Amino acid sequence: MDFGPIHIDHIGIAAHHLDDHTSFWNLIGLVQGEEDETVADQGVKTRFFSTSSASSKTPTAKIELLEPTGEKTPIGRFLAKRGPGVQQVCFSVGNLEGLLAYLLENGIRLIDEVPRLGAGGKMIAFVHPAATGGVLVELTQSINPN
């Protein structure tokens, strides 16, 4: 089955405050996104850093800093339990709905069986860590791929 192209989109890192860790990513030369985004239904504020300029024609992996908007949000609970650090790995796919159906058909436990709107106006869905060896996996698809 072809659900591609598939590539690493970003690695999400939980942080108490976005500004606490921004300087490091800037110092090593990552390109900070123009503005932060709050995704209210996920209770998170995000800041992206790209490994190359936006003019690059090939997909580039990004770092996403995640700051909770409250203690009872998924990122707030993650920080309380584990502290700052890698929270998820995200893969960009070409056919998110098809991939989710395929995973379900093959007994993979999902957090989201139907895509929902995430940061950057992309559709997202999460695979349960119990199905991946303990890693929270986010799957994403651009709504209007260019």
Protein backbone atom coordinates (compact mmCIF):
# COMPACT_ATOMS: atom_id res chain seq x y z
CA MET A 1 0.00 0.00 0.00
CA ASP A 2 1.24 3.48 -0.82
CA PHE A 3 0.52 6.26 1.68
CA GLY A 4 3.48 8.40 0.67
CA PRO A 5 5.44 10.30 0.30
CA ILE A 6 6.35 9.66 3.95
CA HIS A 7 9.10 11.57 5.74
CA ILE A 8 9.93 12.81 9.22
CA ASP A 9 8.06 16.07 9.59
CA HIS A 10 9.17 17.07 13.07
CA ILE A 11 10.19 16.02 16.54
CA GLY A 12 8.04 17.53 19.29
CA ILE A 13 9.79 18.63 22.49
CA ALA A 14 7.79 19.49 25.61
CA ALA A 15 8.98 22.60 27.44
CA HIS A 16 7.61 24.56 30.38
CA HIS A 17 8.22 27.79 28.43
CA LEU A 18 9.11 28.16 24.74
CA ASP A 19 11.68 30.86 25.46
CA ASP A 20 13.63 28.58 27.82
CA HIS A 21 14.97 26.52 24.91
CA THR A 22 14.71 28.79 21.86
CA SER A 23 18.25 30.15 22.03
CA PHE A 24 19.86 26.71 21.59
CA TRP A 25 17.97 25.93 18.36
CA ASN A 26 18.80 29.40 17.01
CA LEU A 27 22.47 29.06 18.01
CA ILE A 28 22.95 25.84 16.06
CA GLY A 29 21.49 27.48 12.96
CA LEU A 30 17.91 26.27 12.77
CA VAL A 31 15.48 28.74 11.21
CA GLN A 32 12.79 29.86 13.65
CA GLY A 33 9.25 30.13 12.29
CA GLU A 34 7.75 33.58 12.00
CA GLU A 35 5.20 33.25 14.78
CA ASP A 36 4.07 30.92 17.53
CA GLU A 37 0.70 29.20 17.26
CA THR A 38 -1.76 28.24 19.97
CA VAL A 39 -3.83 25.13 19.25
CA ALA A 40 -6.64 25.60 21.77
CA ASP A 41 -8.25 22.15 21.56
CA GLN A 42 -4.86 20.54 22.31
CA GLY A 43 -3.99 23.06 25.02
CA VAL A 44 -0.61 23.87 23.52
CA LYS A 45 1.45 26.74 22.18
CA THR A 46 3.93 25.74 19.47
CA ARG A 47 7.12 27.19 18.02
CA PHE A 48 8.78 25.55 15.00
CA PHE A 49 12.43 25.51 13.94
CA SER A 50 13.35 24.27 10.46
CA THR A 51 16.57 22.55 9.49
CA SER A 52 16.70 24.62 6.27
CA SER A 53 15.14 27.69 4.72
CA ALA A 54 11.55 27.64 3.49
CA SER A 55 12.78 28.03 -0.10
CA SER A 56 14.15 24.47 -0.10
CA LYS A 57 12.21 22.19 -2.47
CA THR A 58 12.84 19.03 -0.45
CA PRO A 59 10.94 18.34 2.80
CA THR A 60 12.98 19.26 5.84
CA ALA A 61 12.65 17.96 9.36
CA LYS A 62 11.70 20.46 12.03
CA ILE A 63 11.85 20.80 15.79
CA GLU A 64 8.57 21.77 17.46
CA LEU A 65 8.72 23.21 20.95
CA LEU A 66 5.49 22.56 22.86
CA GLU A 67 4.40 24.73 25.80
CA PRO A 68 1.24 23.75 27.68
CA THR A 69 -1.53 26.30 28.13
CA GLY A 70 -2.45 24.61 31.42
CA GLU A 71 -1.48 21.81 33.79
CA LYS A 72 -4.33 19.48 32.76
CA THR A 73 -3.47 19.54 29.04
CA PRO A 74 -1.66 16.63 27.36
CA ILE A 75 1.66 18.54 27.38
CA GLY A 76 1.06 19.77 30.93
CA ARG A 77 0.53 16.18 32.10
CA PHE A 78 3.56 15.01 30.12
CA LEU A 79 5.77 17.60 31.80
CA ALA A 80 4.42 16.74 35.27
CA LYS A 81 5.12 13.04 34.72
CA ARG A 82 8.35 13.06 32.69
CA GLY A 83 9.72 16.61 32.64
CA PRO A 84 10.95 18.46 29.54
CA GLY A 85 12.05 16.37 26.58
CA VAL A 86 11.03 14.57 23.40
CA GLN A 87 7.26 14.11 23.47
CA GLN A 88 6.56 12.77 19.97
CA VAL A 89 7.88 12.00 16.51
CA CYS A 90 5.78 13.18 13.59
CA PHE A 91 5.67 11.72 10.08
CA SER A 92 4.20 13.59 7.13
CA VAL A 93 2.18 11.28 4.86
CA GLY A 94 0.47 11.68 1.53
CA ASN A 95 -2.77 9.88 2.46
CA LEU A 96 -3.58 10.22 6.16
CA GLU A 97 -7.12 8.81 6.05
CA GLY A 98 -5.97 5.80 4.02
CA LEU A 99 -3.07 5.12 6.37
CA LEU A 100 -5.30 5.33 9.46
CA ALA A 101 -7.77 2.87 7.92
CA TYR A 102 -4.90 0.52 7.03
CA LEU A 103 -3.44 0.70 10.55
CA LEU A 104 -6.86 -0.03 12.08
CA GLU A 105 -7.38 -2.98 9.74
CA ASN A 106 -4.08 -4.36 10.98
CA GLY A 107 -4.91 -4.03 14.68
CA ILE A 108 -2.84 -0.94 15.44
CA ARG A 109 -4.15 1.04 18.42
CA LEU A 110 -4.81 4.67 17.54
CA ILE A 111 -5.56 7.70 19.68
CA ASP A 112 -7.27 9.35 16.69
CA GLU A 113 -9.14 7.15 14.25
CA VAL A 114 -10.20 10.25 12.29
CA PRO A 115 -7.85 13.12 11.39
CA ARG A 116 -8.30 16.47 13.14
CA LEU A 117 -6.94 19.96 12.61
CA GLY A 118 -3.50 20.59 14.12
CA ALA A 119 -0.80 23.25 14.10
CA GLY A 120 0.01 24.92 10.79
CA GLY A 121 -3.45 24.11 9.40
CA LYS A 122 -2.45 20.48 8.81
CA MET A 123 -4.57 17.42 9.49
CA ILE A 124 -3.14 15.22 12.26
CA ALA A 125 -3.75 11.93 14.06
CA PHE A 126 -1.86 10.16 16.83
CA VAL A 127 -0.87 6.50 17.12
CA HIS A 128 -0.98 5.13 20.67
CA PRO A 129 2.48 4.53 22.18
CA ALA A 130 1.42 0.98 23.11
CA ALA A 131 1.45 0.16 19.38
CA THR A 132 4.87 1.67 18.63
CA GLY A 133 7.15 0.44 21.37
CA GLY A 134 6.50 3.38 23.67
CA VAL A 135 6.83 6.30 21.25
CA LEU A 136 3.95 8.70 20.65
CA VAL A 137 3.74 8.95 16.86
CA GLU A 138 1.94 11.81 15.17
CA LEU A 139 0.89 11.49 11.55
CA THR A 140 0.23 14.63 9.53
CA GLN A 141 -0.93 15.61 6.07
CA SER A 142 -0.96 19.05 4.48
CA ILE A 143 -4.45 20.07 3.44
CA ASN A 144 -3.18 21.86 0.33
CA PRO A 145 0.15 20.22 -0.56
CA ASN A 146 2.32 22.37 -2.82
